[in-house]
Amino acid sequence: MVWSPNGIRIASASYDKTVRVWDATKGNTVFIYRGHADRVQAVAWSPDGKRIASASDDCTVQVWDATTGDHIFTYGGHTAHVTAVAW
């Protein structure tokens, strides 16, 4: 789990293959990012708050638009699980 740079939202990684973005004050789900083929191990918020990166056991890192929920890019090439991600 990681806080957004402005402290308004929280992003969480899950074994259910999703990344969820939560409103930190109300507790409701803002976005659910689906696109990983295996459990998500880690998430990281970009310093400017515009992107979220997620690391997965599907051997990829995916990047999401934190303001719209859109998928931006998938980084592939690992031959084993990706367990951490940072900006």
PDB file of N, CA and C in Angstrom:
ATOM      1  N   MET A   1       0.840  -1.171   0.000  1.00  0.00           N
ATOM      2  CA  MET A   1       0.000   0.000   0.000  1.00  0.00           C
ATOM      3  C   MET A   1       0.888   1.237   0.000  1.00  0.00           C
ATOM      4  N   VAL A   2       0.442   2.276  -0.720  1.00  0.00           N
ATOM      5  CA  VAL A   2       1.207   3.514  -0.793  1.00  0.00           C
ATOM      6  C   VAL A   2       0.252   4.713  -0.867  1.00  0.00           C
ATOM      7  N   TRP A   3       0.646   5.771  -0.188  1.00  0.00           N
ATOM      8  CA  TRP A   3      -0.132   7.014  -0.203  1.00  0.00           C
ATOM      9  C   TRP A   3       0.210   7.841  -1.426  1.00  0.00           C
ATOM     10  N   SER A   4      -0.761   8.562  -1.967  1.00  0.00           N
ATOM     11  CA  SER A   4      -0.496   9.519  -3.044  1.00  0.00           C
ATOM     12  C   SER A   4       0.345  10.664  -2.475  1.00  0.00           C
ATOM     13  N   PRO A   5       1.107  11.352  -3.323  1.00  0.00           N
ATOM     14  CA  PRO A   5       1.940  12.450  -2.830  1.00  0.00           C
ATOM     15  C   PRO A   5       1.155  13.543  -2.093  1.00  0.00           C
ATOM     16  N   ASN A   6      -0.110  13.751  -2.475  1.00  0.00           N
ATOM     17  CA  ASN A   6      -0.908  14.786  -1.815  1.00  0.00           C
ATOM     18  C   ASN A   6      -1.681  14.266  -0.606  1.00  0.00           C
ATOM     19  N   GLY A   7      -1.565  12.952  -0.327  1.00  0.00           N
ATOM     20  CA  GLY A   7      -2.213  12.370   0.843  1.00  0.00           C
ATOM     21  C   GLY A   7      -3.704  12.157   0.726  1.00  0.00           C
ATOM     22  N   ILE A   8      -4.265  12.315  -0.465  1.00  0.00           N
ATOM     23  CA  ILE A   8      -5.713  12.196  -0.653  1.00  0.00           C
ATOM     24  C   ILE A   8      -6.147  10.771  -0.982  1.00  0.00           C
ATOM     25  N   ARG A   9      -5.247  10.005  -1.618  1.00  0.00           N
ATOM     26  CA  ARG A   9      -5.600   8.654  -2.046  1.00  0.00           C
ATOM     27  C   ARG A   9      -4.560   7.635  -1.590  1.00  0.00           C
ATOM     28  N   ILE A  10      -4.988   6.375  -1.595  1.00  0.00           N
ATOM     29  CA  ILE A  10      -4.122   5.248  -1.267  1.00  0.00           C
ATOM     30  C   ILE A  10      -4.238   4.235  -2.401  1.00  0.00           C
ATOM     31  N   ALA A  11      -3.122   3.656  -2.810  1.00  0.00           N
ATOM     32  CA  ALA A  11      -3.134   2.576  -3.798  1.00  0.00           C
ATOM     33  C   ALA A  11      -2.683   1.290  -3.115  1.00  0.00           C
ATOM     34  N   SER A  12      -3.355   0.189  -3.443  1.00  0.00           N
ATOM     35  CA  SER A  12      -3.002  -1.098  -2.842  1.00  0.00           C
ATOM     36  C   SER A  12      -2.812  -2.157  -3.920  1.00  0.00           C
ATOM     37  N   ALA A  13      -1.874  -3.066  -3.670  1.00  0.00           N
ATOM     38  CA  ALA A  13      -1.612  -4.209  -4.537  1.00  0.00           C
ATOM     39  C   ALA A  13      -2.323  -5.418  -3.953  1.00  0.00           C
ATOM     40  N   SER A  14      -2.758  -6.344  -4.838  1.00  0.00           N
ATOM     41  CA  SER A  14      -3.520  -7.482  -4.326  1.00  0.00           C
ATOM     42  C   SER A  14      -3.205  -8.772  -5.074  1.00  0.00           C
ATOM     43  N   TYR A  15      -3.383  -9.865  -4.357  1.00  0.00           N
ATOM     44  CA  TYR A  15      -3.256 -11.190  -4.964  1.00  0.00           C
ATOM     45  C   TYR A  15      -4.413 -11.473  -5.917  1.00  0.00           C
ATOM     46  N   ASP A  16      -5.446 -10.627  -5.920  1.00  0.00           N
ATOM     47  CA  ASP A  16      -6.562 -10.832  -6.852  1.00  0.00           C
ATOM     48  C   ASP A  16      -6.274 -10.253  -8.236  1.00  0.00           C
ATOM     49  N   LYS A  17      -4.999  -9.892  -8.488  1.00  0.00           N
ATOM     50  CA  LYS A  17      -4.509  -9.409  -9.789  1.00  0.00           C
ATOM     51  C   LYS A  17      -4.904  -7.968 -10.093  1.00  0.00           C
ATOM     52  N   THR A  18      -5.316  -7.221  -9.074  1.00  0.00           N
ATOM     53  CA  THR A  18      -5.732  -5.832  -9.296  1.00  0.00           C
ATOM     54  C   THR A  18      -4.919  -4.861  -8.448  1.00  0.00           C
ATOM     55  N   VAL A  19      -4.994  -3.600  -8.861  1.00  0.00           N
ATOM     56  CA  VAL A  19      -4.531  -2.474  -8.062  1.00  0.00           C
ATOM     57  C   VAL A  19      -5.776  -1.654  -7.776  1.00  0.00           C
ATOM     58  N   ARG A  20      -5.975  -1.310  -6.522  1.00  0.00           N
ATOM     59  CA  ARG A  20      -7.119  -0.464  -6.166  1.00  0.00           C
ATOM     60  C   ARG A  20      -6.617   0.877  -5.670  1.00  0.00           C
ATOM     61  N   VAL A  21      -7.330   1.907  -6.076  1.00  0.00           N
ATOM     62  CA  VAL A  21      -7.057   3.257  -5.586  1.00  0.00           C
ATOM     63  C   VAL A  21      -8.258   3.667  -4.750  1.00  0.00           C
ATOM     64  N   TRP A  22      -7.966   4.095  -3.532  1.00  0.00           N
ATOM     65  CA  TRP A  22      -8.992   4.417  -2.540  1.00  0.00           C
ATOM     66  C   TRP A  22      -8.968   5.910  -2.214  1.00  0.00           C
ATOM     67  N   ASP A  23     -10.124   6.456  -1.920  1.00  0.00           N
ATOM     68  CA  ASP A  23     -10.215   7.790  -1.346  1.00  0.00           C
ATOM     69  C   ASP A  23      -9.839   7.635   0.126  1.00  0.00           C
ATOM     70  N   ALA A  24      -8.772   8.287   0.538  1.00  0.00           N
ATOM     71  CA  ALA A  24      -8.244   8.090   1.890  1.00  0.00           C
ATOM     72  C   ALA A  24      -9.159   8.645   2.982  1.00  0.00           C
ATOM     73  N   THR A  25      -9.995   9.594   2.664  1.00  0.00           N
ATOM     74  CA  THR A  25     -10.857  10.186   3.684  1.00  0.00           C
ATOM     75  C   THR A  25     -12.209   9.483   3.792  1.00  0.00           C
ATOM     76  N   LYS A  26     -12.729   8.988   2.674  1.00  0.00           N
ATOM     77  CA  LYS A  26     -14.042   8.349   2.668  1.00  0.00           C
ATOM     78  C   LYS A  26     -13.975   6.825   2.687  1.00  0.00           C
ATOM     79  N   GLY A  27     -12.847   6.273   2.234  1.00  0.00           N
ATOM     80  CA  GLY A  27     -12.677   4.825   2.228  1.00  0.00           C
ATOM     81  C   GLY A  27     -13.271   4.114   1.026  1.00  0.00           C
ATOM     82  N   ASN A  28     -13.830   4.866   0.085  1.00  0.00           N
ATOM     83  CA  ASN A  28     -14.420   4.215  -1.081  1.00  0.00           C
ATOM     84  C   ASN A  28     -13.378   4.008  -2.193  1.00  0.00           C
ATOM     85  N   THR A  29     -13.649   3.032  -3.053  1.00  0.00           N
ATOM     86  CA  THR A  29     -12.776   2.743  -4.181  1.00  0.00           C
ATOM     87  C   THR A  29     -12.982   3.786  -5.271  1.00  0.00           C
ATOM     88  N   VAL A  30     -11.880   4.350  -5.764  1.00  0.00           N
ATOM     89  CA  VAL A  30     -11.920   5.337  -6.843  1.00  0.00           C
ATOM     90  C   VAL A  30     -11.684   4.656  -8.188  1.00  0.00           C
ATOM     91  N   PHE A  31     -10.670   3.793  -8.259  1.00  0.00           N
ATOM     92  CA  PHE A  31     -10.354   3.043  -9.472  1.00  0.00           C
ATOM     93  C   PHE A  31      -9.972   1.619  -9.101  1.00  0.00           C
ATOM     94  N   ILE A  32     -10.243   0.700 -10.024  1.00  0.00           N
ATOM     95  CA  ILE A  32      -9.695  -0.656  -9.946  1.00  0.00           C
ATOM     96  C   ILE A  32      -8.967  -0.880 -11.258  1.00  0.00           C
ATOM     97  N   TYR A  33      -7.663  -1.107 -11.173  1.00  0.00           N
ATOM     98  CA  TYR A  33      -6.865  -1.371 -12.357  1.00  0.00           C
ATOM     99  C   TYR A  33      -6.773  -2.868 -12.561  1.00  0.00           C
ATOM    100  N   ARG A  34      -7.265  -3.315 -13.703  1.00  0.00           N
ATOM    101  CA  ARG A  34      -7.203  -4.730 -14.071  1.00  0.00           C
ATOM    102  C   ARG A  34      -6.335  -4.852 -15.310  1.00  0.00           C
ATOM    103  N   GLY A  35      -5.454  -5.792 -15.333  1.00  0.00           N
ATOM    104  CA  GLY A  35      -4.601  -5.963 -16.491  1.00  0.00           C
ATOM    105  C   GLY A  35      -3.469  -6.936 -16.238  1.00  0.00           C
ATOM    106  N   HIS A  36      -3.180  -7.180 -14.972  1.00  0.00           N
ATOM    107  CA  HIS A  36      -2.158  -8.167 -14.648  1.00  0.00           C
ATOM    108  C   HIS A  36      -2.754  -9.569 -14.750  1.00  0.00           C
ATOM    109  N   ALA A  37      -1.912 -10.526 -15.147  1.00  0.00           N
ATOM    110  CA  ALA A  37      -2.346 -11.910 -15.286  1.00  0.00           C
ATOM    111  C   ALA A  37      -2.056 -12.741 -14.036  1.00  0.00           C
ATOM    112  N   ASP A  38      -1.418 -12.132 -13.060  1.00  0.00           N
ATOM    113  CA  ASP A  38      -1.102 -12.834 -11.814  1.00  0.00           C
ATOM    114  C   ASP A  38      -1.123 -11.806 -10.684  1.00  0.00           C
ATOM    115  N   ARG A  39      -0.884 -12.242  -9.469  1.00  0.00           N
ATOM    116  CA  ARG A  39      -1.001 -11.347  -8.317  1.00  0.00           C
ATOM    117  C   ARG A  39      -0.051 -10.146  -8.422  1.00  0.00           C
ATOM    118  N   VAL A  40      -0.501  -9.051  -7.869  1.00  0.00           N
ATOM    119  CA  VAL A  40       0.277  -7.809  -7.861  1.00  0.00           C
ATOM    120  C   VAL A  40       1.031  -7.748  -6.539  1.00  0.00           C
ATOM    121  N   GLN A  41       2.337  -7.562  -6.620  1.00  0.00           N
ATOM    122  CA  GLN A  41       3.202  -7.586  -5.441  1.00  0.00           C
ATOM    123  C   GLN A  41       3.442  -6.209  -4.828  1.00  0.00           C
ATOM    124  N   ALA A  42       3.483  -5.168  -5.683  1.00  0.00           N
ATOM    125  CA  ALA A  42       3.858  -3.840  -5.173  1.00  0.00           C
ATOM    126  C   ALA A  42       3.300  -2.748  -6.069  1.00  0.00           C
ATOM    127  N   VAL A  43       3.117  -1.573  -5.470  1.00  0.00           N
ATOM    128  CA  VAL A  43       2.709  -0.386  -6.219  1.00  0.00           C
ATOM    129  C   VAL A  43       3.557   0.797  -5.774  1.00  0.00           C
ATOM    130  N   ALA A  44       3.706   1.768  -6.670  1.00  0.00           N
ATOM    131  CA  ALA A  44       4.440   2.998  -6.350  1.00  0.00           C
ATOM    132  C   ALA A  44       3.774   4.161  -7.072  1.00  0.00           C
ATOM    133  N   TRP A  45       3.635   5.253  -6.355  1.00  0.00           N
ATOM    134  CA  TRP A  45       3.044   6.464  -6.910  1.00  0.00           C
ATOM    135  C   TRP A  45       4.168   7.356  -7.419  1.00  0.00           C
ATOM    136  N   SER A  46       3.996   7.945  -8.613  1.00  0.00           N
ATOM    137  CA  SER A  46       5.010   8.868  -9.123  1.00  0.00           C
ATOM    138  C   SER A  46       5.049  10.110  -8.244  1.00  0.00           C
ATOM    139  N   PRO A  47       6.195  10.768  -8.150  1.00  0.00           N
ATOM    140  CA  PRO A  47       6.312  11.946  -7.281  1.00  0.00           C
ATOM    141  C   PRO A  47       5.337  13.079  -7.626  1.00  0.00           C
ATOM    142  N   ASP A  48       4.958  13.176  -8.908  1.00  0.00           N
ATOM    143  CA  ASP A  48       4.018  14.236  -9.296  1.00  0.00           C
ATOM    144  C   ASP A  48       2.558  13.812  -9.129  1.00  0.00           C
ATOM    145  N   GLY A  49       2.317  12.559  -8.722  1.00  0.00           N
ATOM    146  CA  GLY A  49       0.970  12.078  -8.467  1.00  0.00           C
ATOM    147  C   GLY A  49       0.179  11.705  -9.708  1.00  0.00           C
ATOM    148  N   LYS A  50       0.797  11.722 -10.880  1.00  0.00           N
ATOM    149  CA  LYS A  50       0.066  11.476 -12.120  1.00  0.00           C
ATOM    150  C   LYS A  50       0.051  10.020 -12.564  1.00  0.00           C
ATOM    151  N   ARG A  51       0.952   9.206 -12.033  1.00  0.00           N
ATOM    152  CA  ARG A  51       1.077   7.827 -12.484  1.00  0.00           C
ATOM    153  C   ARG A  51       1.205   6.874 -11.293  1.00  0.00           C
ATOM    154  N   ILE A  52       0.799   5.634 -11.506  1.00  0.00           N
ATOM    155  CA  ILE A  52       1.023   4.559 -10.558  1.00  0.00           C
ATOM    156  C   ILE A  52       1.676   3.414 -11.320  1.00  0.00           C
ATOM    157  N   ALA A  53       2.727   2.854 -10.765  1.00  0.00           N
ATOM    158  CA  ALA A  53       3.370   1.676 -11.341  1.00  0.00           C
ATOM    159  C   ALA A  53       3.049   0.481 -10.457  1.00  0.00           C
ATOM    160  N   SER A  54       2.843  -0.677 -11.094  1.00  0.00           N
ATOM    161  CA  SER A  54       2.543  -1.890 -10.352  1.00  0.00           C
ATOM    162  C   SER A  54       3.441  -3.029 -10.811  1.00  0.00           C
ATOM    163  N   ALA A  55       3.935  -3.817  -9.849  1.00  0.00           N
ATOM    164  CA  ALA A  55       4.807  -4.963 -10.105  1.00  0.00           C
ATOM    165  C   ALA A  55       4.021  -6.235  -9.840  1.00  0.00           C
ATOM    166  N   SER A  56       4.216  -7.237 -10.709  1.00  0.00           N
ATOM    167  CA  SER A  56       3.382  -8.423 -10.609  1.00  0.00           C
ATOM    168  C   SER A  56       4.152  -9.724 -10.793  1.00  0.00           C
ATOM    169  N   ASP A  57       3.546 -10.788 -10.288  1.00  0.00           N
ATOM    170  CA  ASP A  57       4.070 -12.134 -10.513  1.00  0.00           C
ATOM    171  C   ASP A  57       3.913 -12.565 -11.970  1.00  0.00           C
ATOM    172  N   ASP A  58       3.221 -11.764 -12.792  1.00  0.00           N
ATOM    173  CA  ASP A  58       3.115 -12.081 -14.215  1.00  0.00           C
ATOM    174  C   ASP A  58       4.353 -11.624 -14.994  1.00  0.00           C
ATOM    175  N   CYS A  59       5.393 -11.201 -14.270  1.00  0.00           N
ATOM    176  CA  CYS A  59       6.694 -10.809 -14.839  1.00  0.00           C
ATOM    177  C   CYS A  59       6.661  -9.458 -15.552  1.00  0.00           C
ATOM    178  N   THR A  60       5.685  -8.620 -15.217  1.00  0.00           N
ATOM    179  CA  THR A  60       5.594  -7.296 -15.833  1.00  0.00           C
ATOM    180  C   THR A  60       5.507  -6.198 -14.785  1.00  0.00           C
ATOM    181  N   VAL A  61       5.797  -4.984 -15.247  1.00  0.00           N
ATOM    182  CA  VAL A  61       5.490  -3.758 -14.531  1.00  0.00           C
ATOM    183  C   VAL A  61       4.511  -3.007 -15.418  1.00  0.00           C
ATOM    184  N   GLN A  62       3.422  -2.550 -14.844  1.00  0.00           N
ATOM    185  CA  GLN A  62       2.452  -1.784 -15.615  1.00  0.00           C
ATOM    186  C   GLN A  62       2.355  -0.383 -15.036  1.00  0.00           C
ATOM    187  N   VAL A  63       2.062   0.572 -15.913  1.00  0.00           N
ATOM    188  CA  VAL A  63       1.934   1.964 -15.500  1.00  0.00           C
ATOM    189  C   VAL A  63       0.517   2.418 -15.834  1.00  0.00           C
ATOM    190  N   TRP A  64      -0.082   3.109 -14.865  1.00  0.00           N
ATOM    191  CA  TRP A  64      -1.472   3.547 -14.942  1.00  0.00           C
ATOM    192  C   TRP A  64      -1.553   5.062 -14.769  1.00  0.00           C
ATOM    193  N   ASP A  65      -2.543   5.673 -15.372  1.00  0.00           N
ATOM    194  CA  ASP A  65      -2.814   7.091 -15.164  1.00  0.00           C
ATOM    195  C   ASP A  65      -3.603   7.208 -13.861  1.00  0.00           C
ATOM    196  N   ALA A  66      -3.040   7.867 -12.880  1.00  0.00           N
ATOM    197  CA  ALA A  66      -3.671   7.945 -11.560  1.00  0.00           C
ATOM    198  C   ALA A  66      -4.870   8.879 -11.527  1.00  0.00           C
ATOM    199  N   THR A  67      -5.036   9.711 -12.543  1.00  0.00           N
ATOM    200  CA  THR A  67      -6.165  10.645 -12.546  1.00  0.00           C
ATOM    201  C   THR A  67      -7.367  10.124 -13.328  1.00  0.00           C
ATOM    202  N   THR A  68      -7.133   9.241 -14.309  1.00  0.00           N
ATOM    203  CA  THR A  68      -8.234   8.720 -15.120  1.00  0.00           C
ATOM    204  C   THR A  68      -8.456   7.223 -14.945  1.00  0.00           C
ATOM    205  N   GLY A  69      -7.449   6.512 -14.437  1.00  0.00           N
ATOM    206  CA  GLY A  69      -7.533   5.073 -14.315  1.00  0.00           C
ATOM    207  C   GLY A  69      -7.123   4.315 -15.562  1.00  0.00           C
ATOM    208  N   ASP A  70      -6.709   5.029 -16.599  1.00  0.00           N
ATOM    209  CA  ASP A  70      -6.324   4.389 -17.858  1.00  0.00           C
ATOM    210  C   ASP A  70      -4.977   3.675 -17.752  1.00  0.00           C
ATOM    211  N   HIS A  71      -4.877   2.567 -18.476  1.00  0.00           N
ATOM    212  CA  HIS A  71      -3.611   1.845 -18.591  1.00  0.00           C
ATOM    213  C   HIS A  71      -2.736   2.604 -19.586  1.00  0.00           C
ATOM    214  N   ILE A  72      -1.463   2.819 -19.241  1.00  0.00           N
ATOM    215  CA  ILE A  72      -0.563   3.575 -20.103  1.00  0.00           C
ATOM    216  C   ILE A  72       0.453   2.685 -20.801  1.00  0.00           C
ATOM    217  N   PHE A  73       1.094   1.783 -20.038  1.00  0.00           N
ATOM    218  CA  PHE A  73       2.189   1.025 -20.621  1.00  0.00           C
ATOM    219  C   PHE A  73       2.448  -0.243 -19.817  1.00  0.00           C
ATOM    220  N   THR A  74       2.943  -1.271 -20.519  1.00  0.00           N
ATOM    221  CA  THR A  74       3.391  -2.495 -19.864  1.00  0.00           C
ATOM    222  C   THR A  74       4.860  -2.709 -20.183  1.00  0.00           C
ATOM    223  N   TYR A  75       5.666  -2.886 -19.152  1.00  0.00           N
ATOM    224  CA  TYR A  75       7.078  -3.228 -19.303  1.00  0.00           C
ATOM    225  C   TYR A  75       7.219  -4.721 -19.106  1.00  0.00           C
ATOM    226  N   GLY A  76       7.667  -5.428 -20.138  1.00  0.00           N
ATOM    227  CA  GLY A  76       7.858  -6.862 -20.066  1.00  0.00           C
ATOM    228  C   GLY A  76       9.332  -7.201 -20.178  1.00  0.00           C
ATOM    229  N   GLY A  77       9.639  -8.477 -20.153  1.00  0.00           N
ATOM    230  CA  GLY A  77      11.008  -8.915 -20.333  1.00  0.00           C
ATOM    231  C   GLY A  77      11.592  -9.669 -19.162  1.00  0.00           C
ATOM    232  N   HIS A  78      11.016  -9.498 -17.987  1.00  0.00           N
ATOM    233  CA  HIS A  78      11.495 -10.285 -16.847  1.00  0.00           C
ATOM    234  C   HIS A  78      11.133 -11.746 -17.058  1.00  0.00           C
ATOM    235  N   THR A  79      11.950 -12.622 -16.544  1.00  0.00           N
ATOM    236  CA  THR A  79      11.675 -14.049 -16.657  1.00  0.00           C
ATOM    237  C   THR A  79      11.232 -14.652 -15.333  1.00  0.00           C
ATOM    238  N   ALA A  80      11.034 -13.805 -14.344  1.00  0.00           N
ATOM    239  CA  ALA A  80      10.558 -14.233 -13.036  1.00  0.00           C
ATOM    240  C   ALA A  80       9.670 -13.129 -12.457  1.00  0.00           C
ATOM    241  N   HIS A  81       9.078 -13.414 -11.323  1.00  0.00           N
ATOM    242  CA  HIS A  81       8.161 -12.463 -10.681  1.00  0.00           C
ATOM    243  C   HIS A  81       8.843 -11.128 -10.433  1.00  0.00           C
ATOM    244  N   VAL A  82       8.080 -10.051 -10.591  1.00  0.00           N
ATOM    245  CA  VAL A  82       8.571  -8.711 -10.224  1.00  0.00           C
ATOM    246  C   VAL A  82       7.957  -8.400  -8.874  1.00  0.00           C
ATOM    247  N   THR A  83       8.804  -8.145  -7.883  1.00  0.00           N
ATOM    248  CA  THR A  83       8.302  -8.014  -6.509  1.00  0.00           C
ATOM    249  C   THR A  83       8.393  -6.615  -5.940  1.00  0.00           C
ATOM    250  N   ALA A  84       8.995  -5.688  -6.689  1.00  0.00           N
ATOM    251  CA  ALA A  84       9.120  -4.320  -6.176  1.00  0.00           C
ATOM    252  C   ALA A  84       9.125  -3.343  -7.340  1.00  0.00           C
ATOM    253  N   VAL A  85       8.719  -2.124  -7.055  1.00  0.00           N
ATOM    254  CA  VAL A  85       8.727  -1.059  -8.054  1.00  0.00           C
ATOM    255  C   VAL A  85       8.880   0.268  -7.315  1.00  0.00           C
ATOM    256  N   ALA A  86       9.611   1.198  -7.935  1.00  0.00           N
ATOM    257  CA  ALA A  86       9.804   2.528  -7.336  1.00  0.00           C
ATOM    258  C   ALA A  86      10.030   3.535  -8.432  1.00  0.00           C
ATOM    259  N   TRP A  87       9.771   4.777  -8.127  1.00  0.00           N
ATOM    260  CA  TRP A  87      10.032   5.861  -9.084  1.00  0.00           C
ATOM    261  C   TRP A  87      11.358   6.475  -8.783  1.00  0.00           C
TER     262      TRP A  87
END
